[in-house]
Amino acid sequence: MDEQLQQQIESLIASSNVFLFMKGTPAHPQCGFSAQVVGILQQQNIPFQSCDVLEHEAIRQGIKDHAHWPTIPQLYISGKFIGGCDIVTELAESGELKKLV
């Protein structure tokens, strides 16, 4: 990944305490997994910012390399990669997600 893309991704992650790379937008998710993570964050009243990777192909590919994680959505809290839909769901069910925020 080139340095400019790396900086762009890091800037996005740093722009909010909770940042979600997703397919679509929070108002209009474009996949079930993204919709599930958005639902969890909203249900737990966790404010977040997001990036629609469907509109940014370079970010869509770059974020997979950045996190060493092959799927989207990807959730970051305090600049740290947390995981995808399954991990976020498990953290929410155990009560750990709120503690991370």
N, C-alpha and C. Protein backbone atom coordinates (compact mmCIF):
# COMPACT_ATOMS: atom_id res chain seq x y z
N MET A 1 0.84 -1.17 0.00
CA MET A 1 0.00 0.00 0.00
C MET A 1 0.89 1.24 0.00
N ASP A 2 0.51 2.23 -0.82
CA ASP A 2 1.34 3.42 -0.87
C ASP A 2 1.13 4.29 0.37
N GLU A 3 2.09 5.16 0.61
CA GLU A 3 2.10 5.93 1.85
C GLU A 3 0.91 6.89 1.94
N GLN A 4 0.50 7.47 0.82
CA GLN A 4 -0.64 8.39 0.83
C GLN A 4 -1.92 7.68 1.27
N LEU A 5 -2.15 6.48 0.75
CA LEU A 5 -3.33 5.71 1.15
C LEU A 5 -3.25 5.32 2.62
N GLN A 6 -2.07 4.92 3.06
CA GLN A 6 -1.86 4.57 4.47
C GLN A 6 -2.21 5.75 5.36
N GLN A 7 -1.76 6.93 5.00
CA GLN A 7 -2.03 8.13 5.78
C GLN A 7 -3.52 8.47 5.77
N GLN A 8 -4.17 8.29 4.61
CA GLN A 8 -5.60 8.56 4.51
C GLN A 8 -6.39 7.63 5.44
N ILE A 9 -6.04 6.36 5.45
CA ILE A 9 -6.72 5.39 6.32
C ILE A 9 -6.48 5.74 7.79
N GLU A 10 -5.24 6.03 8.14
CA GLU A 10 -4.93 6.37 9.53
C GLU A 10 -5.64 7.65 9.96
N SER A 11 -5.77 8.60 9.05
CA SER A 11 -6.47 9.85 9.35
C SER A 11 -7.96 9.59 9.60
N LEU A 12 -8.56 8.72 8.80
CA LEU A 12 -9.96 8.36 9.01
C LEU A 12 -10.14 7.71 10.38
N ILE A 13 -9.29 6.75 10.69
CA ILE A 13 -9.39 6.04 11.97
C ILE A 13 -9.25 7.01 13.14
N ALA A 14 -8.34 7.96 13.00
CA ALA A 14 -8.08 8.92 14.08
C ALA A 14 -9.17 9.99 14.19
N SER A 15 -10.04 10.09 13.21
CA SER A 15 -11.04 11.16 13.19
C SER A 15 -12.17 10.96 14.21
N SER A 16 -12.26 9.78 14.78
CA SER A 16 -13.33 9.49 15.74
C SER A 16 -12.86 8.41 16.69
N ASN A 17 -13.34 8.47 17.93
CA ASN A 17 -12.98 7.43 18.90
C ASN A 17 -13.46 6.06 18.41
N VAL A 18 -14.61 6.03 17.74
CA VAL A 18 -15.15 4.79 17.18
C VAL A 18 -15.34 5.01 15.68
N PHE A 19 -14.66 4.21 14.88
CA PHE A 19 -14.72 4.37 13.43
C PHE A 19 -15.02 3.03 12.78
N LEU A 20 -15.95 3.06 11.83
CA LEU A 20 -16.39 1.85 11.16
C LEU A 20 -16.18 1.96 9.65
N PHE A 21 -15.43 1.03 9.10
CA PHE A 21 -15.34 0.87 7.65
C PHE A 21 -16.44 -0.11 7.29
N MET A 22 -17.35 0.31 6.42
CA MET A 22 -18.52 -0.50 6.13
C MET A 22 -18.91 -0.40 4.66
N LYS A 23 -19.84 -1.26 4.27
CA LYS A 23 -20.42 -1.19 2.94
C LYS A 23 -21.73 -0.42 3.07
N GLY A 24 -21.78 0.75 2.44
CA GLY A 24 -22.94 1.61 2.55
C GLY A 24 -22.73 2.65 3.64
N THR A 25 -23.84 3.22 4.08
CA THR A 25 -23.81 4.24 5.13
C THR A 25 -24.64 3.75 6.31
N PRO A 26 -24.48 4.37 7.47
CA PRO A 26 -25.31 3.94 8.61
C PRO A 26 -26.81 4.01 8.29
N ALA A 27 -27.23 4.99 7.52
CA ALA A 27 -28.64 5.11 7.17
C ALA A 27 -29.07 4.09 6.12
N HIS A 28 -28.11 3.67 5.29
CA HIS A 28 -28.41 2.74 4.20
C HIS A 28 -27.29 1.71 4.04
N PRO A 29 -27.16 0.78 4.99
CA PRO A 29 -26.12 -0.26 4.86
C PRO A 29 -26.36 -1.09 3.59
N GLN A 30 -25.26 -1.52 2.97
CA GLN A 30 -25.36 -2.27 1.73
C GLN A 30 -25.01 -3.74 1.89
N CYS A 31 -24.85 -4.19 3.13
CA CYS A 31 -24.70 -5.63 3.38
C CYS A 31 -25.20 -5.92 4.79
N GLY A 32 -25.59 -7.15 5.01
CA GLY A 32 -26.15 -7.54 6.29
C GLY A 32 -25.18 -7.40 7.45
N PHE A 33 -23.91 -7.69 7.20
CA PHE A 33 -22.92 -7.60 8.27
C PHE A 33 -22.70 -6.15 8.70
N SER A 34 -22.62 -5.26 7.71
CA SER A 34 -22.49 -3.83 8.04
C SER A 34 -23.72 -3.36 8.79
N ALA A 35 -24.91 -3.78 8.35
CA ALA A 35 -26.15 -3.40 9.02
C ALA A 35 -26.17 -3.89 10.46
N GLN A 36 -25.67 -5.09 10.69
CA GLN A 36 -25.66 -5.64 12.04
C GLN A 36 -24.75 -4.83 12.96
N VAL A 37 -23.56 -4.48 12.49
CA VAL A 37 -22.64 -3.70 13.33
C VAL A 37 -23.21 -2.32 13.60
N VAL A 38 -23.76 -1.67 12.58
CA VAL A 38 -24.39 -0.36 12.78
C VAL A 38 -25.51 -0.48 13.82
N GLY A 39 -26.32 -1.51 13.71
CA GLY A 39 -27.41 -1.73 14.66
C GLY A 39 -26.92 -1.89 16.08
N ILE A 40 -25.84 -2.63 16.25
CA ILE A 40 -25.26 -2.83 17.59
C ILE A 40 -24.76 -1.50 18.15
N LEU A 41 -24.03 -0.74 17.35
CA LEU A 41 -23.51 0.54 17.82
C LEU A 41 -24.64 1.49 18.18
N GLN A 42 -25.67 1.54 17.35
CA GLN A 42 -26.80 2.43 17.62
C GLN A 42 -27.58 1.96 18.84
N GLN A 43 -27.78 0.67 18.95
CA GLN A 43 -28.52 0.11 20.08
C GLN A 43 -27.84 0.41 21.41
N GLN A 44 -26.50 0.42 21.38
CA GLN A 44 -25.75 0.68 22.60
C GLN A 44 -25.40 2.17 22.76
N ASN A 45 -26.00 3.00 21.90
CA ASN A 45 -25.78 4.46 21.96
C ASN A 45 -24.30 4.82 21.89
N ILE A 46 -23.58 4.15 21.01
CA ILE A 46 -22.16 4.43 20.82
C ILE A 46 -22.02 5.31 19.58
N PRO A 47 -21.61 6.57 19.77
CA PRO A 47 -21.42 7.43 18.60
C PRO A 47 -20.23 6.96 17.77
N PHE A 48 -20.35 7.05 16.45
CA PHE A 48 -19.28 6.60 15.58
C PHE A 48 -19.31 7.35 14.26
N GLN A 49 -18.19 7.32 13.59
CA GLN A 49 -18.07 7.83 12.23
C GLN A 49 -17.83 6.62 11.34
N SER A 50 -18.08 6.79 10.03
CA SER A 50 -17.91 5.65 9.14
C SER A 50 -17.40 6.09 7.77
N CYS A 51 -16.95 5.11 7.03
CA CYS A 51 -16.52 5.30 5.65
C CYS A 51 -17.17 4.21 4.81
N ASP A 52 -17.83 4.62 3.74
CA ASP A 52 -18.45 3.69 2.80
C ASP A 52 -17.38 3.22 1.83
N VAL A 53 -16.91 1.99 2.03
CA VAL A 53 -15.82 1.48 1.18
C VAL A 53 -16.28 1.20 -0.24
N LEU A 54 -17.59 1.13 -0.47
CA LEU A 54 -18.09 0.91 -1.83
C LEU A 54 -17.85 2.14 -2.70
N GLU A 55 -17.70 3.30 -2.07
CA GLU A 55 -17.43 4.53 -2.81
C GLU A 55 -15.94 4.84 -2.90
N HIS A 56 -15.12 4.06 -2.22
CA HIS A 56 -13.67 4.32 -2.17
C HIS A 56 -12.93 3.00 -2.36
N GLU A 57 -12.76 2.59 -3.60
CA GLU A 57 -12.16 1.29 -3.90
C GLU A 57 -10.76 1.14 -3.31
N ALA A 58 -9.96 2.20 -3.36
CA ALA A 58 -8.60 2.12 -2.82
C ALA A 58 -8.65 1.84 -1.31
N ILE A 59 -9.55 2.51 -0.61
CA ILE A 59 -9.69 2.28 0.83
C ILE A 59 -10.22 0.88 1.07
N ARG A 60 -11.15 0.44 0.25
CA ARG A 60 -11.73 -0.91 0.41
C ARG A 60 -10.64 -1.97 0.39
N GLN A 61 -9.70 -1.84 -0.50
CA GLN A 61 -8.60 -2.81 -0.56
C GLN A 61 -7.54 -2.51 0.49
N GLY A 62 -7.25 -1.23 0.67
CA GLY A 62 -6.19 -0.83 1.60
C GLY A 62 -6.48 -1.18 3.04
N ILE A 63 -7.74 -1.08 3.45
CA ILE A 63 -8.08 -1.36 4.85
C ILE A 63 -7.87 -2.83 5.17
N LYS A 64 -8.06 -3.68 4.19
CA LYS A 64 -7.84 -5.12 4.40
C LYS A 64 -6.36 -5.38 4.70
N ASP A 65 -5.49 -4.68 3.99
CA ASP A 65 -4.05 -4.81 4.24
C ASP A 65 -3.67 -4.16 5.57
N HIS A 66 -4.26 -3.01 5.83
CA HIS A 66 -3.93 -2.26 7.05
C HIS A 66 -4.21 -3.09 8.31
N ALA A 67 -5.36 -3.74 8.34
CA ALA A 67 -5.76 -4.49 9.52
C ALA A 67 -5.35 -5.97 9.46
N HIS A 68 -4.87 -6.40 8.29
CA HIS A 68 -4.61 -7.82 8.08
C HIS A 68 -5.89 -8.62 8.35
N TRP A 69 -6.99 -8.09 7.84
CA TRP A 69 -8.32 -8.68 8.04
C TRP A 69 -9.02 -8.65 6.69
N PRO A 70 -9.48 -9.79 6.19
CA PRO A 70 -9.95 -9.85 4.80
C PRO A 70 -11.37 -9.36 4.54
N THR A 71 -12.13 -9.08 5.59
CA THR A 71 -13.55 -8.76 5.36
C THR A 71 -13.92 -7.39 5.90
N ILE A 72 -15.06 -6.93 5.45
CA ILE A 72 -15.64 -5.66 5.88
C ILE A 72 -17.05 -5.98 6.34
N PRO A 73 -17.49 -5.43 7.44
CA PRO A 73 -17.04 -4.23 8.13
C PRO A 73 -15.83 -4.46 9.04
N GLN A 74 -15.19 -3.35 9.36
CA GLN A 74 -14.08 -3.36 10.30
C GLN A 74 -14.28 -2.22 11.28
N LEU A 75 -14.24 -2.54 12.57
CA LEU A 75 -14.46 -1.54 13.61
C LEU A 75 -13.15 -1.22 14.33
N TYR A 76 -12.94 0.09 14.53
CA TYR A 76 -11.79 0.59 15.28
C TYR A 76 -12.29 1.37 16.47
N ILE A 77 -11.67 1.16 17.63
CA ILE A 77 -11.96 1.94 18.83
C ILE A 77 -10.64 2.47 19.36
N SER A 78 -10.60 3.78 19.57
CA SER A 78 -9.38 4.46 20.05
C SER A 78 -8.19 4.12 19.18
N GLY A 79 -8.41 4.04 17.86
CA GLY A 79 -7.34 3.79 16.91
C GLY A 79 -6.93 2.34 16.79
N LYS A 80 -7.54 1.46 17.58
CA LYS A 80 -7.15 0.04 17.58
C LYS A 80 -8.21 -0.78 16.83
N PHE A 81 -7.73 -1.68 15.97
CA PHE A 81 -8.63 -2.56 15.25
C PHE A 81 -9.27 -3.54 16.22
N ILE A 82 -10.60 -3.60 16.20
CA ILE A 82 -11.34 -4.48 17.10
C ILE A 82 -11.74 -5.76 16.39
N GLY A 83 -12.30 -5.64 15.19
CA GLY A 83 -12.69 -6.82 14.45
C GLY A 83 -13.87 -6.54 13.54
N GLY A 84 -14.43 -7.63 13.04
CA GLY A 84 -15.56 -7.56 12.14
C GLY A 84 -16.86 -7.87 12.87
N CYS A 85 -17.85 -8.23 12.11
CA CYS A 85 -19.21 -8.41 12.62
C CYS A 85 -19.29 -9.45 13.74
N ASP A 86 -18.68 -10.61 13.56
CA ASP A 86 -18.77 -11.66 14.57
C ASP A 86 -18.16 -11.22 15.90
N ILE A 87 -16.99 -10.60 15.82
CA ILE A 87 -16.31 -10.16 17.04
C ILE A 87 -17.09 -9.05 17.73
N VAL A 88 -17.59 -8.09 16.96
CA VAL A 88 -18.38 -6.99 17.53
C VAL A 88 -19.64 -7.55 18.19
N THR A 89 -20.28 -8.51 17.55
CA THR A 89 -21.48 -9.13 18.12
C THR A 89 -21.16 -9.82 19.45
N GLU A 90 -20.07 -10.58 19.49
CA GLU A 90 -19.66 -11.25 20.72
C GLU A 90 -19.35 -10.25 21.83
N LEU A 91 -18.63 -9.18 21.47
CA LEU A 91 -18.29 -8.15 22.46
C LEU A 91 -19.54 -7.47 23.00
N ALA A 92 -20.50 -7.22 22.13
CA ALA A 92 -21.74 -6.58 22.56
C ALA A 92 -22.52 -7.49 23.50
N GLU A 93 -22.61 -8.76 23.15
CA GLU A 93 -23.36 -9.72 23.96
C GLU A 93 -22.73 -9.92 25.33
N SER A 94 -21.42 -9.83 25.41
CA SER A 94 -20.74 -10.03 26.69
C SER A 94 -20.65 -8.75 27.52
N GLY A 95 -21.01 -7.61 26.93
CA GLY A 95 -20.91 -6.34 27.63
C GLY A 95 -19.56 -5.68 27.50
N GLU A 96 -18.64 -6.31 26.80
CA GLU A 96 -17.28 -5.78 26.67
C GLU A 96 -17.18 -4.59 25.71
N LEU A 97 -18.07 -4.51 24.74
CA LEU A 97 -17.99 -3.44 23.75
C LEU A 97 -18.10 -2.08 24.41
N LYS A 98 -19.06 -1.90 25.28
CA LYS A 98 -19.22 -0.62 25.99
C LYS A 98 -17.98 -0.28 26.80
N LYS A 99 -17.35 -1.28 27.39
CA LYS A 99 -16.16 -1.06 28.20
C LYS A 99 -14.99 -0.58 27.34
N LEU A 100 -14.91 -1.07 26.09
CA LEU A 100 -13.83 -0.67 25.19
C LEU A 100 -13.96 0.81 24.80
N VAL A 101 -15.21 1.26 24.72
CA VAL A 101 -15.47 2.64 24.30
C VAL A 101 -15.16 3.57 25.45
